[in-house]
N, C-alpha and C. Protein backbone atom coordinates (compact mmCIF):
# COMPACT_ATOMS: atom_id res chain seq x y z
N MET A 1 9.08 -12.08 16.84
CA MET A 1 8.56 -11.68 15.54
C MET A 1 9.57 -11.98 14.45
N GLY A 2 10.86 -11.80 14.71
CA GLY A 2 11.88 -12.04 13.70
C GLY A 2 11.89 -13.47 13.22
N ASP A 3 11.69 -14.44 14.15
CA ASP A 3 11.65 -15.85 13.75
C ASP A 3 10.49 -16.12 12.82
N ASN A 4 9.32 -15.52 13.13
CA ASN A 4 8.16 -15.70 12.26
C ASN A 4 8.41 -15.15 10.87
N LEU A 5 9.04 -13.99 10.77
CA LEU A 5 9.31 -13.40 9.47
C LEU A 5 10.32 -14.24 8.69
N SER A 6 11.30 -14.81 9.39
CA SER A 6 12.26 -15.66 8.71
C SER A 6 11.57 -16.86 8.10
N LYS A 7 10.60 -17.43 8.81
CA LYS A 7 9.85 -18.57 8.28
C LYS A 7 9.01 -18.13 7.08
N CYS A 8 8.48 -16.91 7.13
CA CYS A 8 7.63 -16.40 6.06
C CYS A 8 8.39 -16.29 4.75
N CYS A 9 9.61 -15.86 4.81
CA CYS A 9 10.34 -15.55 3.59
C CYS A 9 11.49 -16.51 3.32
N ARG A 10 11.40 -17.73 3.79
CA ARG A 10 12.43 -18.72 3.53
C ARG A 10 12.04 -19.48 2.28
N PHE A 11 12.90 -19.46 1.26
CA PHE A 11 12.58 -20.09 -0.01
C PHE A 11 12.37 -21.58 0.10
N GLY A 12 13.17 -22.25 0.88
CA GLY A 12 13.11 -23.70 0.96
C GLY A 12 11.83 -24.22 1.57
N GLN A 13 11.03 -23.35 2.18
CA GLN A 13 9.82 -23.78 2.87
C GLN A 13 8.60 -23.84 1.95
N THR A 14 8.71 -23.36 0.73
CA THR A 14 7.55 -23.31 -0.15
C THR A 14 7.83 -24.03 -1.45
N SER A 15 6.78 -24.34 -2.16
CA SER A 15 6.93 -24.97 -3.46
C SER A 15 6.61 -23.98 -4.57
N VAL A 16 6.95 -22.73 -4.33
CA VAL A 16 6.64 -21.68 -5.29
C VAL A 16 7.56 -21.79 -6.49
N PRO A 17 7.02 -21.77 -7.71
CA PRO A 17 7.90 -21.79 -8.87
C PRO A 17 8.67 -20.49 -8.96
N THR A 18 9.81 -20.54 -9.58
CA THR A 18 10.63 -19.34 -9.72
C THR A 18 10.95 -19.12 -11.18
N THR A 19 11.20 -17.89 -11.54
CA THR A 19 11.51 -17.59 -12.93
C THR A 19 13.00 -17.42 -13.15
N LEU A 20 13.79 -17.72 -12.13
CA LEU A 20 15.23 -17.61 -12.29
C LEU A 20 15.74 -18.70 -13.22
N PRO A 21 16.79 -18.43 -13.97
CA PRO A 21 17.37 -19.48 -14.80
C PRO A 21 17.81 -20.65 -13.92
N VAL A 22 17.72 -21.86 -14.46
CA VAL A 22 18.02 -23.06 -13.70
C VAL A 22 19.43 -23.00 -13.12
N THR A 23 20.37 -22.44 -13.84
CA THR A 23 21.75 -22.37 -13.34
C THR A 23 21.85 -21.53 -12.09
N GLU A 24 20.93 -20.57 -11.90
CA GLU A 24 20.96 -19.74 -10.71
C GLU A 24 20.10 -20.31 -9.59
N GLN A 25 19.15 -21.18 -9.93
CA GLN A 25 18.23 -21.68 -8.93
C GLN A 25 18.90 -22.60 -7.92
N LEU A 26 19.58 -23.58 -8.41
CA LEU A 26 20.06 -24.63 -7.53
C LEU A 26 21.55 -24.84 -7.66
N LYS A 27 22.16 -25.04 -6.54
CA LYS A 27 23.53 -25.51 -6.50
C LYS A 27 23.49 -26.74 -5.62
N THR A 28 24.10 -27.80 -6.03
CA THR A 28 24.03 -29.02 -5.23
C THR A 28 25.39 -29.31 -4.63
N GLU A 29 25.34 -29.98 -3.51
CA GLU A 29 26.56 -30.44 -2.88
C GLU A 29 26.32 -31.86 -2.41
N GLU A 30 27.34 -32.61 -2.35
CA GLU A 30 27.22 -33.99 -1.90
C GLU A 30 27.23 -34.01 -0.38
N LEU A 31 26.29 -34.72 0.20
CA LEU A 31 26.23 -34.88 1.63
C LEU A 31 26.35 -36.36 1.93
N SER A 32 27.32 -36.73 2.68
CA SER A 32 27.55 -38.14 2.98
C SER A 32 26.59 -38.57 4.07
N VAL A 33 25.67 -39.49 3.73
CA VAL A 33 24.70 -40.00 4.69
C VAL A 33 25.29 -41.21 5.41
N THR A 34 25.81 -42.13 4.65
CA THR A 34 26.51 -43.28 5.20
C THR A 34 27.81 -43.41 4.41
N PRO A 35 28.74 -44.19 4.88
CA PRO A 35 29.98 -44.32 4.12
C PRO A 35 29.76 -44.79 2.68
N ALA A 36 28.71 -45.56 2.44
CA ALA A 36 28.49 -46.13 1.11
C ALA A 36 27.61 -45.25 0.23
N LYS A 37 26.80 -44.34 0.82
CA LYS A 37 25.82 -43.57 0.05
C LYS A 37 26.05 -42.08 0.23
N SER A 38 25.73 -41.32 -0.79
CA SER A 38 25.73 -39.87 -0.67
C SER A 38 24.47 -39.33 -1.33
N VAL A 39 23.99 -38.21 -0.84
CA VAL A 39 22.74 -37.64 -1.31
C VAL A 39 23.03 -36.22 -1.78
N ALA A 40 22.44 -35.83 -2.92
CA ALA A 40 22.60 -34.46 -3.41
C ALA A 40 21.56 -33.58 -2.72
N ILE A 41 22.02 -32.51 -2.10
CA ILE A 41 21.15 -31.56 -1.42
C ILE A 41 21.10 -30.29 -2.27
N ALA A 42 19.87 -29.81 -2.54
CA ALA A 42 19.72 -28.60 -3.34
C ALA A 42 19.82 -27.38 -2.44
N LYS A 43 20.59 -26.39 -2.87
CA LYS A 43 20.68 -25.12 -2.16
C LYS A 43 20.14 -24.05 -3.08
N VAL A 44 19.28 -23.22 -2.55
CA VAL A 44 18.67 -22.16 -3.34
C VAL A 44 19.52 -20.90 -3.20
N LYS A 45 19.79 -20.26 -4.32
CA LYS A 45 20.55 -19.00 -4.31
C LYS A 45 19.70 -17.93 -3.64
N LYS A 46 20.28 -17.22 -2.70
CA LYS A 46 19.56 -16.15 -2.02
C LYS A 46 19.35 -14.98 -2.97
N ILE A 47 18.15 -14.45 -2.95
CA ILE A 47 17.80 -13.31 -3.78
C ILE A 47 17.76 -12.08 -2.90
N SER A 48 18.18 -10.96 -3.43
CA SER A 48 18.09 -9.71 -2.69
C SER A 48 17.55 -8.62 -3.61
N ILE A 49 17.25 -7.50 -3.03
CA ILE A 49 16.73 -6.37 -3.78
C ILE A 49 17.76 -5.89 -4.80
N ASN A 50 19.03 -6.13 -4.54
CA ASN A 50 20.10 -5.72 -5.47
C ASN A 50 20.10 -6.51 -6.77
N ASP A 51 19.34 -7.61 -6.83
CA ASP A 51 19.25 -8.42 -8.04
C ASP A 51 18.27 -7.82 -9.05
N PHE A 52 17.58 -6.74 -8.68
CA PHE A 52 16.53 -6.19 -9.51
C PHE A 52 16.77 -4.72 -9.84
N GLU A 53 16.29 -4.33 -11.01
CA GLU A 53 16.32 -2.93 -11.43
C GLU A 53 14.90 -2.39 -11.26
N MET A 54 14.76 -1.33 -10.48
CA MET A 54 13.45 -0.70 -10.26
C MET A 54 13.12 0.16 -11.48
N ILE A 55 11.99 -0.11 -12.11
CA ILE A 55 11.57 0.64 -13.29
C ILE A 55 10.63 1.78 -12.90
N GLY A 56 9.66 1.48 -12.04
CA GLY A 56 8.70 2.51 -11.63
C GLY A 56 7.69 1.94 -10.65
N GLU A 57 6.88 2.82 -10.10
CA GLU A 57 5.85 2.40 -9.15
C GLU A 57 4.56 2.06 -9.89
N LEU A 58 3.99 0.89 -9.56
CA LEU A 58 2.73 0.46 -10.18
C LEU A 58 1.53 0.87 -9.34
N GLY A 59 1.70 0.89 -8.03
CA GLY A 59 0.58 1.22 -7.18
C GLY A 59 0.98 1.26 -5.73
N GLN A 60 0.04 1.72 -4.91
CA GLN A 60 0.30 1.82 -3.49
C GLN A 60 -0.94 1.37 -2.75
N GLY A 61 -0.74 0.56 -1.72
CA GLY A 61 -1.84 0.09 -0.91
C GLY A 61 -1.69 0.57 0.52
N GLY A 62 -2.49 0.00 1.39
CA GLY A 62 -2.44 0.38 2.79
C GLY A 62 -1.19 -0.08 3.49
N PHE A 63 -0.55 -1.13 2.99
CA PHE A 63 0.58 -1.72 3.70
C PHE A 63 1.87 -1.71 2.90
N GLY A 64 1.85 -1.27 1.67
CA GLY A 64 3.09 -1.27 0.92
C GLY A 64 2.90 -0.72 -0.48
N LYS A 65 4.00 -0.72 -1.20
CA LYS A 65 3.99 -0.25 -2.58
C LYS A 65 4.35 -1.41 -3.50
N VAL A 66 3.85 -1.33 -4.72
CA VAL A 66 4.17 -2.34 -5.74
C VAL A 66 4.93 -1.64 -6.85
N PHE A 67 6.08 -2.22 -7.19
CA PHE A 67 6.96 -1.64 -8.20
C PHE A 67 7.09 -2.56 -9.40
N LEU A 68 7.28 -1.97 -10.55
CA LEU A 68 7.65 -2.71 -11.75
C LEU A 68 9.16 -2.90 -11.69
N VAL A 69 9.61 -4.15 -11.75
CA VAL A 69 11.04 -4.44 -11.67
C VAL A 69 11.45 -5.38 -12.80
N ARG A 70 12.74 -5.39 -13.04
CA ARG A 70 13.31 -6.33 -14.01
C ARG A 70 14.55 -6.92 -13.35
N LYS A 71 14.64 -8.24 -13.40
CA LYS A 71 15.85 -8.89 -12.88
C LYS A 71 17.01 -8.47 -13.75
N LYS A 72 18.10 -8.09 -13.10
CA LYS A 72 19.27 -7.65 -13.85
C LYS A 72 19.73 -8.77 -14.78
N ASN A 73 20.14 -8.40 -15.97
CA ASN A 73 20.58 -9.33 -17.02
C ASN A 73 19.46 -10.22 -17.52
N CYS A 74 18.22 -9.78 -17.38
CA CYS A 74 17.06 -10.53 -17.87
C CYS A 74 16.10 -9.54 -18.54
N ASP A 75 15.24 -10.04 -19.41
CA ASP A 75 14.27 -9.16 -20.05
C ASP A 75 12.88 -9.29 -19.46
N ASP A 76 12.70 -10.17 -18.48
CA ASP A 76 11.39 -10.40 -17.88
C ASP A 76 11.06 -9.32 -16.86
N PHE A 77 9.86 -8.76 -16.97
CA PHE A 77 9.38 -7.78 -16.02
C PHE A 77 8.48 -8.48 -15.01
N GLN A 78 8.54 -8.03 -13.77
CA GLN A 78 7.71 -8.59 -12.71
C GLN A 78 7.26 -7.47 -11.79
N ALA A 79 6.33 -7.79 -10.91
CA ALA A 79 5.86 -6.83 -9.91
C ALA A 79 6.50 -7.20 -8.57
N LEU A 80 6.95 -6.20 -7.83
CA LEU A 80 7.57 -6.43 -6.53
C LEU A 80 6.83 -5.62 -5.48
N LYS A 81 6.19 -6.32 -4.55
CA LYS A 81 5.48 -5.66 -3.45
C LYS A 81 6.46 -5.50 -2.29
N VAL A 82 6.58 -4.28 -1.78
CA VAL A 82 7.49 -3.97 -0.70
C VAL A 82 6.67 -3.59 0.53
N ILE A 83 6.87 -4.33 1.62
CA ILE A 83 6.17 -4.07 2.88
C ILE A 83 7.21 -3.72 3.93
N LYS A 84 7.09 -2.56 4.53
CA LYS A 84 8.04 -2.14 5.57
C LYS A 84 7.78 -2.94 6.85
N LYS A 85 8.83 -3.48 7.41
CA LYS A 85 8.69 -4.25 8.65
C LYS A 85 8.22 -3.38 9.79
N SER A 86 8.48 -2.09 9.72
CA SER A 86 8.04 -1.19 10.79
C SER A 86 6.51 -1.12 10.89
N LEU A 87 5.81 -1.52 9.84
CA LEU A 87 4.34 -1.53 9.87
C LEU A 87 3.78 -2.74 10.60
N LEU A 88 4.64 -3.72 10.85
CA LEU A 88 4.20 -4.93 11.55
C LEU A 88 4.23 -4.68 13.05
N GLN A 89 3.05 -4.50 13.60
CA GLN A 89 2.93 -4.20 15.02
C GLN A 89 1.88 -5.10 15.63
N SER A 90 1.86 -5.13 16.92
CA SER A 90 0.79 -5.84 17.60
C SER A 90 0.07 -4.85 18.51
N GLY A 91 -1.11 -5.20 18.91
CA GLY A 91 -1.88 -4.30 19.76
C GLY A 91 -2.96 -3.59 18.99
N LYS A 92 -3.59 -2.61 19.63
CA LYS A 92 -4.73 -1.93 19.04
C LYS A 92 -4.34 -1.01 17.89
N ASP A 93 -3.14 -0.44 17.95
CA ASP A 93 -2.75 0.51 16.91
C ASP A 93 -1.88 -0.16 15.83
N ARG A 94 -2.09 -1.43 15.61
CA ARG A 94 -1.31 -2.16 14.61
C ARG A 94 -1.72 -1.73 13.21
N ARG A 95 -0.80 -1.86 12.27
CA ARG A 95 -1.10 -1.59 10.87
C ARG A 95 -1.35 -2.91 10.14
N ILE A 96 -0.48 -3.90 10.36
CA ILE A 96 -0.62 -5.20 9.73
C ILE A 96 0.09 -6.21 10.62
N THR A 97 -0.42 -7.44 10.65
CA THR A 97 0.18 -8.46 11.52
C THR A 97 0.97 -9.47 10.68
N VAL A 98 1.83 -10.17 11.37
CA VAL A 98 2.60 -11.23 10.72
C VAL A 98 1.65 -12.30 10.17
N GLU A 99 0.57 -12.57 10.91
CA GLU A 99 -0.41 -13.57 10.45
C GLU A 99 -1.05 -13.15 9.13
N GLU A 100 -1.31 -11.86 8.96
CA GLU A 100 -1.89 -11.38 7.70
C GLU A 100 -0.90 -11.55 6.55
N ILE A 101 0.39 -11.34 6.84
CA ILE A 101 1.42 -11.55 5.82
C ILE A 101 1.45 -13.02 5.43
N PHE A 102 1.45 -13.92 6.44
CA PHE A 102 1.42 -15.36 6.17
C PHE A 102 0.20 -15.74 5.32
N SER A 103 -0.94 -15.19 5.68
CA SER A 103 -2.18 -15.49 4.98
C SER A 103 -2.11 -15.05 3.52
N GLU A 104 -1.64 -13.84 3.28
CA GLU A 104 -1.52 -13.35 1.90
C GLU A 104 -0.57 -14.24 1.09
N LYS A 105 0.56 -14.58 1.69
CA LYS A 105 1.55 -15.43 1.02
C LYS A 105 0.94 -16.80 0.70
N ASP A 106 0.26 -17.40 1.68
CA ASP A 106 -0.32 -18.73 1.47
C ASP A 106 -1.38 -18.72 0.38
N ILE A 107 -2.21 -17.69 0.35
CA ILE A 107 -3.25 -17.59 -0.67
C ILE A 107 -2.62 -17.48 -2.06
N MET A 108 -1.60 -16.65 -2.17
CA MET A 108 -0.96 -16.47 -3.49
C MET A 108 -0.23 -17.74 -3.92
N ILE A 109 0.32 -18.50 -2.98
CA ILE A 109 1.01 -19.74 -3.32
C ILE A 109 0.01 -20.81 -3.77
N LYS A 110 -1.07 -20.94 -3.03
CA LYS A 110 -2.02 -22.03 -3.26
C LYS A 110 -2.99 -21.77 -4.40
N SER A 111 -3.17 -20.53 -4.77
CA SER A 111 -4.17 -20.22 -5.80
C SER A 111 -3.65 -20.60 -7.18
N ASP A 112 -4.54 -21.17 -7.95
CA ASP A 112 -4.25 -21.48 -9.34
C ASP A 112 -5.43 -20.95 -10.15
N ASN A 113 -5.52 -19.64 -10.24
CA ASN A 113 -6.66 -19.00 -10.84
C ASN A 113 -6.17 -17.85 -11.72
N PRO A 114 -6.72 -17.74 -12.92
CA PRO A 114 -6.27 -16.66 -13.81
C PRO A 114 -6.64 -15.26 -13.33
N PHE A 115 -7.51 -15.15 -12.33
CA PHE A 115 -7.93 -13.85 -11.84
C PHE A 115 -7.18 -13.42 -10.58
N LEU A 116 -6.24 -14.24 -10.11
CA LEU A 116 -5.42 -13.89 -8.96
C LEU A 116 -3.95 -13.90 -9.37
N VAL A 117 -3.22 -12.93 -8.86
CA VAL A 117 -1.80 -12.82 -9.18
C VAL A 117 -1.04 -13.97 -8.51
N LYS A 118 -0.01 -14.46 -9.19
CA LYS A 118 0.78 -15.58 -8.67
C LYS A 118 2.08 -15.07 -8.06
N LEU A 119 2.44 -15.67 -6.93
CA LEU A 119 3.67 -15.34 -6.23
C LEU A 119 4.82 -16.12 -6.85
N VAL A 120 5.89 -15.42 -7.20
CA VAL A 120 7.09 -16.08 -7.74
C VAL A 120 7.98 -16.50 -6.58
N CYS A 121 8.28 -15.57 -5.68
CA CYS A 121 9.06 -15.88 -4.49
C CYS A 121 8.95 -14.71 -3.52
N CYS A 122 9.48 -14.90 -2.34
CA CYS A 122 9.53 -13.80 -1.38
C CYS A 122 10.89 -13.81 -0.71
N PHE A 123 11.30 -12.63 -0.24
CA PHE A 123 12.56 -12.49 0.45
C PHE A 123 12.48 -11.27 1.34
N GLN A 124 13.51 -11.05 2.13
CA GLN A 124 13.50 -9.93 3.06
C GLN A 124 14.90 -9.40 3.27
N ASP A 125 14.96 -8.18 3.79
CA ASP A 125 16.21 -7.61 4.28
C ASP A 125 15.92 -7.03 5.66
N GLU A 126 16.80 -6.21 6.17
CA GLU A 126 16.64 -5.70 7.53
C GLU A 126 15.37 -4.86 7.70
N GLY A 127 14.97 -4.14 6.68
CA GLY A 127 13.86 -3.21 6.84
C GLY A 127 12.58 -3.57 6.12
N ASN A 128 12.63 -4.49 5.14
CA ASN A 128 11.45 -4.75 4.31
C ASN A 128 11.23 -6.23 4.04
N LEU A 129 9.97 -6.55 3.74
CA LEU A 129 9.58 -7.84 3.17
C LEU A 129 9.28 -7.60 1.71
N TYR A 130 9.62 -8.55 0.86
CA TYR A 130 9.41 -8.41 -0.59
C TYR A 130 8.64 -9.61 -1.11
N PHE A 131 7.58 -9.35 -1.88
CA PHE A 131 6.84 -10.39 -2.59
C PHE A 131 7.06 -10.14 -4.08
N LEU A 132 7.76 -11.04 -4.74
CA LEU A 132 7.97 -10.95 -6.18
C LEU A 132 6.83 -11.70 -6.86
N MET A 133 6.08 -11.00 -7.71
CA MET A 133 4.88 -11.57 -8.31
C MET A 133 4.92 -11.44 -9.82
N GLU A 134 4.09 -12.25 -10.47
CA GLU A 134 3.98 -12.11 -11.91
C GLU A 134 3.39 -10.73 -12.22
N LEU A 135 3.73 -10.22 -13.37
CA LEU A 135 3.21 -8.93 -13.78
C LEU A 135 1.95 -9.15 -14.61
N LEU A 136 0.86 -8.58 -14.16
CA LEU A 136 -0.41 -8.64 -14.89
C LEU A 136 -0.70 -7.26 -15.43
N HIS A 137 -0.82 -7.16 -16.72
CA HIS A 137 -1.07 -5.87 -17.36
C HIS A 137 -2.54 -5.50 -17.24
N GLY A 138 -2.81 -4.23 -17.13
CA GLY A 138 -4.20 -3.78 -17.18
C GLY A 138 -4.67 -3.03 -15.96
N GLY A 139 -3.99 -3.11 -14.84
CA GLY A 139 -4.41 -2.37 -13.67
C GLY A 139 -5.29 -3.19 -12.75
N ASN A 140 -5.89 -2.52 -11.78
CA ASN A 140 -6.73 -3.23 -10.82
C ASN A 140 -8.16 -2.71 -10.86
N LEU A 141 -9.04 -3.44 -10.24
CA LEU A 141 -10.47 -3.14 -10.29
C LEU A 141 -10.79 -1.76 -9.70
N PHE A 142 -10.12 -1.40 -8.61
CA PHE A 142 -10.37 -0.10 -7.98
C PHE A 142 -10.08 1.04 -8.95
N ASN A 143 -8.99 0.93 -9.71
CA ASN A 143 -8.66 1.99 -10.66
C ASN A 143 -9.69 2.11 -11.78
N TYR A 144 -10.20 0.97 -12.25
CA TYR A 144 -11.25 1.01 -13.29
C TYR A 144 -12.49 1.71 -12.76
N LEU A 145 -12.84 1.41 -11.52
CA LEU A 145 -14.02 2.04 -10.93
C LEU A 145 -13.80 3.54 -10.74
N ALA A 146 -12.61 3.92 -10.28
CA ALA A 146 -12.31 5.34 -10.06
C ALA A 146 -12.30 6.13 -11.37
N LYS A 147 -11.89 5.49 -12.46
CA LYS A 147 -11.82 6.17 -13.76
C LYS A 147 -13.17 6.24 -14.45
N SER A 148 -14.12 5.46 -13.98
CA SER A 148 -15.46 5.46 -14.56
C SER A 148 -16.10 6.82 -14.35
N LYS A 149 -16.76 7.35 -15.37
CA LYS A 149 -17.39 8.67 -15.27
C LYS A 149 -18.45 8.71 -14.17
N ARG A 150 -19.19 7.61 -14.04
CA ARG A 150 -20.27 7.59 -13.05
C ARG A 150 -19.81 7.05 -11.70
N HIS A 151 -18.57 6.55 -11.62
CA HIS A 151 -18.01 5.93 -10.41
C HIS A 151 -18.78 4.69 -9.98
N TYR A 152 -19.43 4.06 -10.94
CA TYR A 152 -19.99 2.73 -10.73
C TYR A 152 -20.01 2.02 -12.07
N PHE A 153 -20.10 0.70 -12.02
CA PHE A 153 -20.07 -0.09 -13.24
C PHE A 153 -21.47 -0.27 -13.79
N SER A 154 -21.53 -0.47 -15.09
CA SER A 154 -22.81 -0.84 -15.70
C SER A 154 -23.17 -2.24 -15.21
N GLU A 155 -24.41 -2.63 -15.44
CA GLU A 155 -24.85 -3.96 -15.01
C GLU A 155 -24.00 -5.04 -15.68
N GLU A 156 -23.70 -4.84 -16.96
CA GLU A 156 -22.87 -5.81 -17.71
C GLU A 156 -21.47 -5.94 -17.10
N GLN A 157 -20.85 -4.80 -16.78
CA GLN A 157 -19.52 -4.83 -16.17
C GLN A 157 -19.58 -5.45 -14.78
N ALA A 158 -20.59 -5.10 -14.01
CA ALA A 158 -20.73 -5.64 -12.65
C ALA A 158 -20.87 -7.16 -12.68
N LYS A 159 -21.63 -7.69 -13.63
CA LYS A 159 -21.77 -9.14 -13.76
C LYS A 159 -20.43 -9.79 -14.07
N PHE A 160 -19.69 -9.19 -15.00
CA PHE A 160 -18.39 -9.74 -15.40
C PHE A 160 -17.42 -9.76 -14.23
N TYR A 161 -17.24 -8.62 -13.55
CA TYR A 161 -16.29 -8.55 -12.44
C TYR A 161 -16.75 -9.40 -11.26
N SER A 162 -18.05 -9.48 -11.01
CA SER A 162 -18.56 -10.34 -9.94
C SER A 162 -18.26 -11.80 -10.22
N ALA A 163 -18.40 -12.20 -11.48
CA ALA A 163 -18.10 -13.58 -11.85
C ALA A 163 -16.62 -13.89 -11.65
N GLU A 164 -15.74 -12.93 -11.96
CA GLU A 164 -14.30 -13.13 -11.73
C GLU A 164 -14.01 -13.31 -10.25
N VAL A 165 -14.64 -12.51 -9.41
CA VAL A 165 -14.42 -12.61 -7.96
C VAL A 165 -14.92 -13.96 -7.45
N VAL A 166 -16.09 -14.38 -7.88
CA VAL A 166 -16.63 -15.66 -7.45
C VAL A 166 -15.71 -16.80 -7.88
N LEU A 167 -15.23 -16.76 -9.11
CA LEU A 167 -14.32 -17.80 -9.59
C LEU A 167 -13.01 -17.81 -8.81
N ALA A 168 -12.54 -16.63 -8.44
CA ALA A 168 -11.29 -16.55 -7.66
C ALA A 168 -11.47 -17.15 -6.26
N LEU A 169 -12.66 -16.94 -5.68
CA LEU A 169 -12.92 -17.49 -4.35
C LEU A 169 -13.17 -18.98 -4.41
């Protein structure tokens, strides 16, 4: 399982854009391929939870919590989803599988839709997986429905939200 998680959260394996300043993104070193030629190899700076300031909790789901964070020495706010590795189990009493994590990551990477949140990058430590995502203001659909007096949407609202879901798919 550890090898699978390492593949999931390895920066060099994805083409995910990052919001880090260019000076922090890449460091190059010369690699001698042949005596006459050398090639510049890009190295990505490792990101850790210590690079971020936790502002507050945005929400909680079945598999993790989402926090409002700010990269230290930056003014940009982002959302950070934290998934405990202890929830990754196999068998009948599993909470979430590694395949589901891969699937969520792949969907967020490949999607180019204004109605789906975009993944900035992912990383991990000994106990958690982290998905750093763009911050979308306004909340989620479940909260709007829960706050509704009737606990259902009007026909007009249902058409609007249904169209967003169809466009996202």
